[in-house]
């Protein structure tokens, strides 16, 4: 599968850096699962960074994501992670939880950005000017990097939940509504890691 070139992925970053701006990218993962948190990452890449093979995390194998996450940590100026758990997701809905996770991730950056690029997600309550880019995780290196980091962090957390709540198969499906997961729910009922509103269509 052809990956976007580094040159094409960094068009937005170079455009704004040429204006003297520090650019962060942010993205979230975990909007669709029945269990676990929604997790966001914010990444400010070094101007000298070159990360071959970077792409939308959904298009990458787990092994490729792990490798690219290591490259991102090595070549980033700053990385922030934010998460929102099931009870808050139920309380404020998944869209607002995704925005909250992104704001938390941006707020945990050790370097303050002048501008934030997001994957098609407006952040109206953010203190930072945000540009929502359609398919941003395929068009911006910073957003793609955030997508990969968020996915790796969330997947690792779901492996921990698999040990805490055995029998549901979190290790395999990471909380998504697979046949295995639904069968486990029928047999075991839900656990504290589940989003009750998702299970009952709320």
N, C-alpha and C. Protein backbone atom coordinates (compact mmCIF):
# COMPACT_ATOMS: atom_id res chain seq x y z
N UNK A 1 0.84 -1.20 0.00
CA UNK A 1 0.00 0.00 0.00
C UNK A 1 0.88 1.25 0.00
N UNK A 2 0.55 2.19 -0.88
CA UNK A 2 1.33 3.42 -0.96
C UNK A 2 1.01 4.34 0.22
N UNK A 3 2.06 4.84 0.84
CA UNK A 3 1.90 5.80 1.93
C UNK A 3 2.13 7.20 1.39
N UNK A 4 1.50 8.21 2.00
CA UNK A 4 1.79 9.58 1.56
C UNK A 4 3.25 9.92 1.77
N UNK A 5 3.82 10.69 0.86
CA UNK A 5 5.22 11.09 1.01
C UNK A 5 5.36 12.07 2.16
N UNK A 6 6.57 12.12 2.72
CA UNK A 6 6.81 13.05 3.81
C UNK A 6 6.59 14.50 3.35
N UNK A 7 6.97 14.79 2.14
CA UNK A 7 6.78 16.13 1.60
C UNK A 7 5.31 16.51 1.54
N UNK A 8 4.47 15.58 1.09
CA UNK A 8 3.03 15.88 0.99
C UNK A 8 2.39 15.97 2.37
N UNK A 9 2.91 15.20 3.32
CA UNK A 9 2.34 15.22 4.68
C UNK A 9 2.70 16.48 5.45
N UNK A 10 3.74 17.17 5.05
CA UNK A 10 4.21 18.32 5.83
C UNK A 10 3.89 19.66 5.18
N UNK A 11 2.97 19.69 4.22
CA UNK A 11 2.61 20.95 3.56
C UNK A 11 2.07 21.95 4.56
N UNK A 12 1.13 21.52 5.41
CA UNK A 12 0.55 22.43 6.39
C UNK A 12 1.59 22.89 7.40
N UNK A 13 2.38 21.95 7.89
CA UNK A 13 3.40 22.29 8.89
C UNK A 13 4.39 23.32 8.35
N UNK A 14 4.86 23.11 7.14
CA UNK A 14 5.84 24.04 6.56
C UNK A 14 5.23 25.41 6.29
N UNK A 15 3.97 25.40 5.86
CA UNK A 15 3.27 26.67 5.60
C UNK A 15 3.22 27.53 6.85
N UNK A 16 2.85 26.94 7.97
CA UNK A 16 2.69 27.72 9.19
C UNK A 16 4.03 27.97 9.90
N UNK A 17 4.95 27.02 9.79
CA UNK A 17 6.28 27.26 10.37
C UNK A 17 6.96 28.42 9.66
N UNK A 18 6.73 28.55 8.36
CA UNK A 18 7.32 29.67 7.61
C UNK A 18 6.80 31.01 8.10
N UNK A 19 5.66 30.98 8.79
CA UNK A 19 5.10 32.20 9.38
C UNK A 19 5.57 32.38 10.83
N UNK A 20 6.48 31.52 11.27
CA UNK A 20 7.03 31.62 12.61
C UNK A 20 6.17 30.98 13.69
N UNK A 21 5.23 30.11 13.29
CA UNK A 21 4.29 29.52 14.25
C UNK A 21 4.74 28.13 14.68
N UNK A 22 4.50 27.81 15.94
CA UNK A 22 4.69 26.46 16.45
C UNK A 22 3.39 25.70 16.25
N UNK A 23 3.48 24.59 15.51
CA UNK A 23 2.28 23.86 15.08
C UNK A 23 2.18 22.52 15.81
N UNK A 24 1.01 22.27 16.39
CA UNK A 24 0.71 20.96 16.98
C UNK A 24 -0.38 20.29 16.16
N UNK A 25 -0.36 18.98 16.13
CA UNK A 25 -1.44 18.21 15.55
C UNK A 25 -2.11 17.40 16.63
N UNK A 26 -3.43 17.21 16.53
CA UNK A 26 -4.13 16.41 17.52
C UNK A 26 -5.13 15.49 16.84
N UNK A 27 -5.33 14.33 17.44
CA UNK A 27 -6.31 13.38 16.95
C UNK A 27 -6.71 12.47 18.10
N UNK A 28 -7.86 11.82 17.94
CA UNK A 28 -8.34 10.93 18.99
C UNK A 28 -8.65 9.57 18.41
N UNK A 29 -8.70 8.57 19.28
CA UNK A 29 -9.12 7.22 18.91
C UNK A 29 -10.06 6.71 19.99
N UNK A 30 -10.92 5.77 19.58
CA UNK A 30 -11.78 5.14 20.56
C UNK A 30 -13.18 5.70 20.64
N UNK A 31 -13.67 6.30 19.56
CA UNK A 31 -15.04 6.80 19.59
C UNK A 31 -16.05 5.68 19.44
N UNK A 32 -15.69 4.61 18.72
CA UNK A 32 -16.65 3.57 18.41
C UNK A 32 -16.76 2.39 19.36
N UNK A 33 -15.78 2.13 20.23
CA UNK A 33 -15.84 0.94 21.08
C UNK A 33 -16.99 0.97 22.09
N UNK A 34 -17.30 -0.22 22.58
CA UNK A 34 -18.30 -0.37 23.63
C UNK A 34 -17.66 -0.26 25.01
N UNK A 35 -16.34 -0.27 25.07
CA UNK A 35 -15.63 -0.26 26.35
C UNK A 35 -14.34 0.53 26.24
N UNK A 36 -13.86 0.98 27.40
CA UNK A 36 -12.60 1.70 27.45
C UNK A 36 -12.75 3.19 27.20
N UNK A 37 -11.65 3.91 27.33
CA UNK A 37 -11.67 5.36 27.18
C UNK A 37 -11.57 5.80 25.73
N UNK A 38 -11.87 7.06 25.50
CA UNK A 38 -11.45 7.72 24.28
C UNK A 38 -10.13 8.40 24.63
N UNK A 39 -9.13 8.27 23.75
CA UNK A 39 -7.79 8.77 24.01
C UNK A 39 -7.36 9.70 22.88
N UNK A 40 -6.79 10.82 23.25
CA UNK A 40 -6.27 11.77 22.26
C UNK A 40 -4.79 12.00 22.51
N UNK A 41 -4.10 12.35 21.46
CA UNK A 41 -2.70 12.77 21.55
C UNK A 41 -2.55 14.10 20.84
N UNK A 42 -1.60 14.88 21.30
CA UNK A 42 -1.20 16.11 20.62
C UNK A 42 0.31 16.03 20.42
N UNK A 43 0.76 16.35 19.21
CA UNK A 43 2.17 16.19 18.86
C UNK A 43 2.70 17.44 18.18
N UNK A 44 3.84 17.91 18.66
CA UNK A 44 4.60 18.95 17.96
C UNK A 44 5.86 18.29 17.45
N UNK A 45 5.96 18.15 16.14
CA UNK A 45 7.12 17.51 15.55
C UNK A 45 8.28 18.50 15.41
N UNK A 46 9.49 17.99 15.53
CA UNK A 46 10.66 18.81 15.27
C UNK A 46 10.66 19.24 13.81
N UNK A 47 11.11 20.47 13.51
CA UNK A 47 11.18 20.91 12.12
C UNK A 47 12.08 20.02 11.25
N UNK A 48 13.00 19.30 11.88
CA UNK A 48 13.90 18.43 11.13
C UNK A 48 13.40 16.99 11.05
N UNK A 49 12.23 16.72 11.59
CA UNK A 49 11.72 15.35 11.63
C UNK A 49 11.45 14.82 10.22
N UNK A 50 11.78 13.55 10.03
CA UNK A 50 11.40 12.82 8.82
C UNK A 50 11.00 11.42 9.28
N UNK A 51 9.72 11.09 9.12
CA UNK A 51 9.21 9.80 9.60
C UNK A 51 8.57 9.08 8.42
N UNK A 52 9.35 8.26 7.77
CA UNK A 52 8.86 7.54 6.59
C UNK A 52 7.80 6.52 6.97
N UNK A 53 6.75 6.44 6.16
CA UNK A 53 5.70 5.45 6.38
C UNK A 53 4.57 5.94 7.26
N UNK A 54 4.65 7.18 7.73
CA UNK A 54 3.60 7.71 8.60
C UNK A 54 2.30 7.84 7.82
N UNK A 55 1.19 7.50 8.48
CA UNK A 55 -0.12 7.53 7.83
C UNK A 55 -1.18 7.50 8.92
N UNK A 56 -2.42 7.61 8.51
CA UNK A 56 -3.56 7.41 9.40
C UNK A 56 -3.38 6.08 10.14
N UNK A 57 -3.51 6.10 11.46
CA UNK A 57 -3.24 4.89 12.26
C UNK A 57 -4.11 3.72 11.85
N UNK A 58 -5.32 4.00 11.37
CA UNK A 58 -6.23 2.91 10.99
C UNK A 58 -5.72 2.12 9.78
N UNK A 59 -4.81 2.71 9.01
CA UNK A 59 -4.28 2.05 7.83
C UNK A 59 -2.99 1.29 8.10
N UNK A 60 -2.56 1.29 9.35
CA UNK A 60 -1.28 0.69 9.71
C UNK A 60 -1.48 -0.57 10.54
N UNK A 61 -0.58 -1.51 10.40
CA UNK A 61 -0.62 -2.71 11.23
C UNK A 61 -0.17 -2.36 12.65
N UNK A 62 -0.54 -3.18 13.64
CA UNK A 62 -0.07 -2.92 15.01
C UNK A 62 1.46 -2.80 15.10
N UNK A 63 2.17 -3.67 14.39
CA UNK A 63 3.64 -3.62 14.42
C UNK A 63 4.15 -2.31 13.84
N UNK A 64 3.55 -1.85 12.74
CA UNK A 64 3.96 -0.58 12.13
C UNK A 64 3.66 0.58 13.05
N UNK A 65 2.51 0.55 13.72
CA UNK A 65 2.17 1.63 14.65
C UNK A 65 3.18 1.71 15.80
N UNK A 66 3.54 0.55 16.34
CA UNK A 66 4.51 0.54 17.45
C UNK A 66 5.84 1.12 17.00
N UNK A 67 6.29 0.71 15.82
CA UNK A 67 7.57 1.23 15.29
C UNK A 67 7.49 2.73 15.06
N UNK A 68 6.40 3.18 14.43
CA UNK A 68 6.27 4.61 14.13
C UNK A 68 6.12 5.43 15.41
N UNK A 69 5.46 4.88 16.40
CA UNK A 69 5.32 5.60 17.68
C UNK A 69 6.70 5.86 18.28
N UNK A 70 7.60 4.88 18.20
CA UNK A 70 8.97 5.08 18.69
C UNK A 70 9.65 6.21 17.92
N UNK A 71 9.48 6.22 16.61
CA UNK A 71 10.07 7.28 15.78
C UNK A 71 9.51 8.65 16.15
N UNK A 72 8.21 8.68 16.39
CA UNK A 72 7.56 9.95 16.74
C UNK A 72 8.09 10.48 18.07
N UNK A 73 8.21 9.60 19.06
CA UNK A 73 8.73 10.04 20.36
C UNK A 73 10.17 10.54 20.23
N UNK A 74 10.93 9.94 19.33
CA UNK A 74 12.32 10.36 19.13
C UNK A 74 12.41 11.71 18.42
N UNK A 75 11.43 12.03 17.56
CA UNK A 75 11.54 13.20 16.70
C UNK A 75 10.51 14.29 17.01
N UNK A 76 9.84 14.16 18.12
CA UNK A 76 8.86 15.17 18.52
C UNK A 76 9.48 16.16 19.50
N UNK A 77 9.07 17.41 19.38
CA UNK A 77 9.45 18.41 20.37
C UNK A 77 8.63 18.24 21.64
N UNK A 78 7.38 17.83 21.48
CA UNK A 78 6.50 17.64 22.63
C UNK A 78 5.36 16.72 22.25
N UNK A 79 4.92 15.92 23.24
CA UNK A 79 3.77 15.03 23.08
C UNK A 79 2.91 15.14 24.32
N UNK A 80 1.61 15.28 24.12
CA UNK A 80 0.67 15.29 25.23
C UNK A 80 -0.40 14.23 25.00
N UNK A 81 -0.84 13.60 26.09
CA UNK A 81 -1.86 12.55 26.01
C UNK A 81 -3.04 12.96 26.91
N UNK A 82 -4.24 12.76 26.40
CA UNK A 82 -5.44 13.02 27.20
C UNK A 82 -6.43 11.89 27.02
N UNK A 83 -7.10 11.53 28.09
CA UNK A 83 -8.10 10.46 28.02
C UNK A 83 -9.36 10.83 28.76
N UNK A 84 -10.46 10.22 28.35
CA UNK A 84 -11.75 10.41 29.02
C UNK A 84 -12.38 9.03 29.17
N UNK A 85 -12.76 8.69 30.40
CA UNK A 85 -13.25 7.36 30.70
C UNK A 85 -14.73 7.15 30.43
N UNK A 86 -15.20 5.92 30.61
CA UNK A 86 -16.57 5.56 30.27
C UNK A 86 -17.64 6.37 30.98
N UNK A 87 -17.45 6.66 32.26
CA UNK A 87 -18.52 7.38 32.98
C UNK A 87 -18.68 8.80 32.45
N UNK A 88 -17.57 9.44 32.14
CA UNK A 88 -17.67 10.80 31.58
C UNK A 88 -18.23 10.76 30.17
N UNK A 89 -17.83 9.75 29.39
CA UNK A 89 -18.38 9.59 28.04
C UNK A 89 -19.91 9.48 28.12
N UNK A 90 -20.40 8.69 29.07
CA UNK A 90 -21.84 8.53 29.24
C UNK A 90 -22.50 9.84 29.65
N UNK A 91 -21.78 10.63 30.42
CA UNK A 91 -22.34 11.86 30.95
C UNK A 91 -22.42 12.98 29.91
N UNK A 92 -21.38 13.12 29.09
CA UNK A 92 -21.33 14.29 28.21
C UNK A 92 -21.44 13.94 26.73
N UNK A 93 -21.51 12.69 26.38
CA UNK A 93 -21.59 12.10 25.03
C UNK A 93 -20.21 11.98 24.40
N UNK A 94 -20.11 11.11 23.41
CA UNK A 94 -18.80 10.75 22.87
C UNK A 94 -18.15 11.89 22.09
N UNK A 95 -18.95 12.73 21.44
CA UNK A 95 -18.37 13.85 20.70
C UNK A 95 -17.69 14.83 21.65
N UNK A 96 -18.40 15.20 22.72
CA UNK A 96 -17.82 16.13 23.68
C UNK A 96 -16.66 15.49 24.44
N UNK A 97 -16.75 14.19 24.68
CA UNK A 97 -15.64 13.48 25.34
C UNK A 97 -14.41 13.49 24.45
N UNK A 98 -14.60 13.35 23.15
CA UNK A 98 -13.47 13.39 22.21
C UNK A 98 -12.81 14.76 22.24
N UNK A 99 -13.63 15.79 22.25
CA UNK A 99 -13.09 17.15 22.32
C UNK A 99 -12.36 17.39 23.64
N UNK A 100 -12.93 16.88 24.73
CA UNK A 100 -12.29 17.04 26.03
C UNK A 100 -10.94 16.33 26.06
N UNK A 101 -10.88 15.13 25.49
CA UNK A 101 -9.60 14.39 25.44
C UNK A 101 -8.57 15.18 24.65
N UNK A 102 -8.98 15.78 23.54
CA UNK A 102 -8.05 16.59 22.74
C UNK A 102 -7.57 17.80 23.51
N UNK A 103 -8.48 18.49 24.18
CA UNK A 103 -8.06 19.68 24.95
C UNK A 103 -7.09 19.28 26.06
N UNK A 104 -7.34 18.15 26.69
CA UNK A 104 -6.42 17.67 27.73
C UNK A 104 -5.05 17.35 27.15
N UNK A 105 -5.05 16.70 25.98
CA UNK A 105 -3.77 16.35 25.35
C UNK A 105 -2.98 17.61 25.00
N UNK A 106 -3.65 18.59 24.41
CA UNK A 106 -2.98 19.85 24.04
C UNK A 106 -2.45 20.55 25.29
N UNK A 107 -3.25 20.53 26.35
CA UNK A 107 -2.85 21.18 27.60
C UNK A 107 -1.66 20.53 28.27
N UNK A 108 -1.34 19.29 27.91
CA UNK A 108 -0.22 18.58 28.52
C UNK A 108 1.05 18.64 27.68
N UNK A 109 1.02 19.42 26.61
CA UNK A 109 2.24 19.62 25.83
C UNK A 109 3.23 20.47 26.62
N UNK A 110 4.48 20.07 26.62
CA UNK A 110 5.51 20.83 27.33
C UNK A 110 5.88 22.11 26.58
N UNK A 111 5.57 22.14 25.30
CA UNK A 111 5.79 23.33 24.47
C UNK A 111 4.44 23.88 24.06
N UNK A 112 4.24 25.19 24.21
CA UNK A 112 2.95 25.79 23.89
C UNK A 112 2.84 26.04 22.38
N UNK A 113 1.84 25.48 21.73
CA UNK A 113 1.69 25.73 20.29
C UNK A 113 1.03 27.07 20.01
N UNK A 114 1.31 27.62 18.86
CA UNK A 114 0.61 28.81 18.39
C UNK A 114 -0.64 28.43 17.61
N UNK A 115 -0.64 27.22 17.08
CA UNK A 115 -1.71 26.77 16.20
C UNK A 115 -1.87 25.26 16.35
N UNK A 116 -3.12 24.80 16.33
CA UNK A 116 -3.39 23.37 16.43
C UNK A 116 -4.14 22.91 15.19
N UNK A 117 -3.64 21.83 14.57
CA UNK A 117 -4.32 21.19 13.47
C UNK A 117 -5.03 19.95 14.01
N UNK A 118 -6.29 19.77 13.65
CA UNK A 118 -7.03 18.61 14.13
C UNK A 118 -7.60 17.83 12.96
N UNK A 119 -7.98 16.60 13.25
CA UNK A 119 -8.56 15.75 12.21
C UNK A 119 -10.07 16.01 12.15
N UNK A 120 -10.43 17.07 11.44
CA UNK A 120 -11.84 17.40 11.17
C UNK A 120 -12.66 17.63 12.43
N UNK A 121 -12.02 18.01 13.53
CA UNK A 121 -12.73 18.21 14.78
C UNK A 121 -12.56 19.66 15.25
N UNK A 122 -13.66 20.41 15.27
CA UNK A 122 -13.62 21.77 15.81
C UNK A 122 -13.48 21.70 17.32
N UNK A 123 -12.68 22.60 17.87
CA UNK A 123 -12.49 22.67 19.32
C UNK A 123 -12.87 24.07 19.80
N UNK A 124 -14.17 24.34 19.89
CA UNK A 124 -14.62 25.70 20.18
C UNK A 124 -14.18 26.24 21.53
N UNK A 125 -13.92 25.37 22.50
CA UNK A 125 -13.55 25.84 23.85
C UNK A 125 -12.04 25.80 24.08
N UNK A 126 -11.27 25.58 23.04
CA UNK A 126 -9.82 25.53 23.20
C UNK A 126 -9.25 26.94 23.26
N UNK A 127 -8.20 27.11 24.05
CA UNK A 127 -7.54 28.42 24.13
C UNK A 127 -6.65 28.66 22.91
N UNK A 128 -6.44 27.61 22.11
CA UNK A 128 -5.56 27.72 20.95
C UNK A 128 -6.38 27.77 19.66
N UNK A 129 -5.91 28.58 18.73
CA UNK A 129 -6.55 28.63 17.43
C UNK A 129 -6.40 27.26 16.77
N UNK A 130 -7.52 26.70 16.32
CA UNK A 130 -7.53 25.35 15.77
C UNK A 130 -8.06 25.36 14.35
N UNK A 131 -7.39 24.63 13.48
CA UNK A 131 -7.85 24.44 12.11
C UNK A 131 -8.22 22.97 11.95
N UNK A 132 -9.49 22.70 11.67
CA UNK A 132 -9.97 21.34 11.47
C UNK A 132 -9.76 20.96 10.00
N UNK A 133 -8.94 19.95 9.76
CA UNK A 133 -8.61 19.52 8.40
C UNK A 133 -9.34 18.21 8.10
N UNK A 134 -10.15 18.22 7.07
CA UNK A 134 -10.82 16.99 6.65
C UNK A 134 -9.76 15.97 6.22
N UNK A 135 -9.88 14.74 6.75
CA UNK A 135 -8.87 13.69 6.54
C UNK A 135 -7.49 14.18 6.98
N UNK A 136 -7.46 14.88 8.07
CA UNK A 136 -6.21 15.44 8.56
C UNK A 136 -5.16 14.40 8.87
N UNK A 137 -5.59 13.19 9.29
CA UNK A 137 -4.62 12.15 9.61
C UNK A 137 -4.00 11.54 8.36
N UNK A 138 -4.47 11.95 7.17
CA UNK A 138 -3.85 11.53 5.92
C UNK A 138 -3.16 12.68 5.19
N UNK A 139 -3.31 13.91 5.75
CA UNK A 139 -2.81 15.09 5.05
C UNK A 139 -1.84 15.93 5.87
N UNK A 140 -1.74 15.65 7.16
CA UNK A 140 -0.85 16.41 8.04
C UNK A 140 0.00 15.46 8.85
N UNK A 141 1.31 15.67 8.82
CA UNK A 141 2.23 14.81 9.57
C UNK A 141 1.95 14.89 11.07
N UNK A 142 1.67 16.08 11.57
CA UNK A 142 1.42 16.24 13.01
C UNK A 142 0.16 15.51 13.45
N UNK A 143 -0.88 15.61 12.64
CA UNK A 143 -2.14 14.93 12.97
C UNK A 143 -1.97 13.42 12.84
N UNK A 144 -1.29 12.96 11.78
CA UNK A 144 -1.04 11.53 11.62
C UNK A 144 -0.22 10.99 12.79
N UNK A 145 0.77 11.75 13.23
CA UNK A 145 1.59 11.33 14.37
C UNK A 145 0.73 11.23 15.63
N UNK A 146 -0.16 12.19 15.82
CA UNK A 146 -1.06 12.14 16.97
C UNK A 146 -1.98 10.94 16.90
N UNK A 147 -2.45 10.62 15.70
CA UNK A 147 -3.30 9.46 15.49
C UNK A 147 -2.59 8.17 15.90
N UNK A 148 -1.34 8.04 15.48
CA UNK A 148 -0.57 6.84 15.80
C UNK A 148 -0.30 6.73 17.29
N UNK A 149 0.14 7.83 17.90
CA UNK A 149 0.45 7.80 19.33
C UNK A 149 -0.80 7.49 20.15
N UNK A 150 -1.91 8.12 19.82
CA UNK A 150 -3.15 7.88 20.56
C UNK A 150 -3.59 6.43 20.44
N UNK A 151 -3.46 5.87 19.25
CA UNK A 151 -3.86 4.47 19.04
C UNK A 151 -2.98 3.52 19.83
N UNK A 152 -1.69 3.75 19.82
CA UNK A 152 -0.77 2.88 20.56
C UNK A 152 -1.03 2.98 22.07
N UNK A 153 -1.22 4.19 22.56
CA UNK A 153 -1.49 4.38 24.00
C UNK A 153 -2.79 3.69 24.40
N UNK A 154 -3.83 3.87 23.59
CA UNK A 154 -5.12 3.26 23.95
C UNK A 154 -5.05 1.73 23.87
N UNK A 155 -4.41 1.21 22.83
CA UNK A 155 -4.31 -0.24 22.70
C UNK A 155 -3.57 -0.85 23.89
N UNK A 156 -2.51 -0.19 24.33
CA UNK A 156 -1.77 -0.70 25.50
C UNK A 156 -2.64 -0.67 26.75
N UNK A 157 -3.45 0.36 26.88
CA UNK A 157 -4.35 0.44 28.04
C UNK A 157 -5.39 -0.67 27.98
N UNK A 158 -5.89 -0.98 26.78
CA UNK A 158 -6.89 -2.04 26.66
C UNK A 158 -6.29 -3.40 26.99
N UNK A 159 -5.00 -3.59 26.74
CA UNK A 159 -4.33 -4.83 27.15
C UNK A 159 -4.33 -4.93 28.67
N UNK A 160 -4.10 -3.80 29.35
CA UNK A 160 -4.17 -3.79 30.82
C UNK A 160 -5.57 -4.13 31.29
N UNK A 161 -6.59 -3.58 30.62
CA UNK A 161 -7.97 -3.88 31.01
C UNK A 161 -8.30 -5.36 30.79
N UNK A 162 -7.66 -5.98 29.81
CA UNK A 162 -7.87 -7.40 29.57
C UNK A 162 -7.44 -8.22 30.77
N UNK A 163 -6.37 -7.80 31.44
CA UNK A 163 -5.92 -8.49 32.65
C UNK A 163 -6.86 -8.19 33.81
N UNK A 164 -7.36 -6.98 33.86
CA UNK A 164 -8.23 -6.56 34.97
C UNK A 164 -9.62 -7.18 34.86
N UNK A 165 -10.09 -7.30 33.62
CA UNK A 165 -11.44 -7.85 33.39
C UNK A 165 -11.34 -8.98 32.36
N UNK A 166 -10.86 -10.14 32.77
CA UNK A 166 -10.66 -11.24 31.81
C UNK A 166 -11.99 -11.78 31.30
N UNK A 167 -11.92 -12.34 30.11
CA UNK A 167 -13.10 -12.99 29.54
C UNK A 167 -13.77 -12.21 28.43
N UNK A 168 -13.50 -10.91 28.36
CA UNK A 168 -14.17 -10.10 27.34
C UNK A 168 -13.39 -10.04 26.02
N UNK A 169 -12.10 -10.36 26.08
CA UNK A 169 -11.30 -10.33 24.87
C UNK A 169 -10.76 -8.97 24.51
N UNK A 170 -10.63 -8.07 25.51
CA UNK A 170 -10.13 -6.73 25.22
C UNK A 170 -8.76 -6.76 24.54
N UNK A 171 -7.97 -7.79 24.84
CA UNK A 171 -6.66 -7.94 24.21
C UNK A 171 -6.78 -8.00 22.69
N UNK A 172 -7.84 -8.62 22.22
CA UNK A 172 -8.01 -8.84 20.78
C UNK A 172 -8.74 -7.70 20.08
N UNK A 173 -9.88 -7.31 20.63
CA UNK A 173 -10.73 -6.34 19.92
C UNK A 173 -10.64 -4.92 20.45
N UNK A 174 -9.94 -4.73 21.57
CA UNK A 174 -9.71 -3.39 22.14
C UNK A 174 -11.01 -2.65 22.47
N UNK A 175 -12.07 -3.43 22.73
CA UNK A 175 -13.33 -2.83 23.15
C UNK A 175 -14.32 -2.59 22.03
N UNK A 176 -13.91 -2.82 20.79
CA UNK A 176 -14.82 -2.59 19.66
C UNK A 176 -15.91 -3.67 19.61
N UNK A 177 -17.02 -3.38 18.96
CA UNK A 177 -18.18 -4.29 18.99
C UNK A 177 -18.06 -5.46 18.03
N UNK A 178 -17.10 -6.34 18.28
CA UNK A 178 -16.93 -7.54 17.46
C UNK A 178 -17.89 -8.63 17.93
N UNK A 179 -17.96 -9.67 17.14
CA UNK A 179 -18.80 -10.82 17.52
C UNK A 179 -18.33 -11.41 18.84
N UNK A 180 -17.00 -11.56 18.99
CA UNK A 180 -16.44 -12.11 20.23
C UNK A 180 -16.86 -11.26 21.43
N UNK A 181 -16.79 -9.95 21.27
CA UNK A 181 -17.13 -9.04 22.36
C UNK A 181 -18.60 -9.16 22.73
N UNK A 182 -19.47 -9.20 21.74
CA UNK A 182 -20.91 -9.29 22.01
C UNK A 182 -21.27 -10.63 22.65
N UNK A 183 -20.60 -11.69 22.23
CA UNK A 183 -20.84 -12.99 22.85
C UNK A 183 -20.42 -12.98 24.32
N UNK A 184 -19.29 -12.33 24.61
CA UNK A 184 -18.81 -12.23 26.00
C UNK A 184 -19.80 -11.43 26.84
N UNK A 185 -20.34 -10.36 26.27
CA UNK A 185 -21.33 -9.56 27.00
C UNK A 185 -22.58 -10.38 27.32
N UNK A 186 -22.99 -11.22 26.39
CA UNK A 186 -24.16 -12.07 26.62
C UNK A 186 -23.90 -13.06 27.75
N UNK A 187 -22.68 -13.59 27.80
CA UNK A 187 -22.33 -14.58 28.83
C UNK A 187 -22.03 -13.94 30.18
N UNK A 188 -21.31 -12.82 30.17
CA UNK A 188 -20.77 -12.26 31.41
C UNK A 188 -21.49 -11.01 31.89
N UNK A 189 -22.28 -10.39 31.01
CA UNK A 189 -22.79 -9.06 31.35
C UNK A 189 -21.68 -8.03 31.18
N UNK A 190 -21.96 -6.81 31.54
CA UNK A 190 -20.96 -5.75 31.38
C UNK A 190 -20.06 -5.65 32.60
N UNK A 191 -18.97 -4.89 32.43
CA UNK A 191 -18.05 -4.63 33.53
C UNK A 191 -17.86 -3.11 33.64
N UNK A 192 -17.15 -2.63 34.67
CA UNK A 192 -16.98 -1.18 34.82
C UNK A 192 -16.29 -0.49 33.65
N UNK A 193 -15.59 -1.24 32.81
CA UNK A 193 -14.92 -0.63 31.66
C UNK A 193 -15.89 -0.33 30.52
N UNK A 194 -17.10 -0.86 30.59
CA UNK A 194 -18.05 -0.68 29.50
C UNK A 194 -18.78 0.66 29.59
N UNK A 195 -19.15 1.15 28.41
CA UNK A 195 -19.95 2.37 28.28
C UNK A 195 -21.42 1.93 28.22
N UNK A 196 -22.11 2.08 29.33
CA UNK A 196 -23.47 1.54 29.40
C UNK A 196 -24.39 2.17 28.37
N UNK A 197 -24.21 3.44 28.09
CA UNK A 197 -25.07 4.11 27.12
C UNK A 197 -24.88 3.53 25.72
N UNK A 198 -23.67 3.03 25.43
CA UNK A 198 -23.42 2.41 24.13
C UNK A 198 -24.08 1.04 24.06
N UNK A 199 -24.08 0.33 25.19
CA UNK A 199 -24.66 -1.02 25.22
C UNK A 199 -26.17 -0.98 25.05
N UNK A 200 -26.77 0.08 25.56
CA UNK A 200 -28.23 0.18 25.57
C UNK A 200 -28.75 1.21 24.58
N UNK A 201 -27.87 1.67 23.71
CA UNK A 201 -28.33 2.57 22.66
C UNK A 201 -28.68 3.96 23.11
N UNK A 202 -28.12 4.37 24.29
CA UNK A 202 -28.43 5.69 24.82
C UNK A 202 -27.51 6.75 24.24
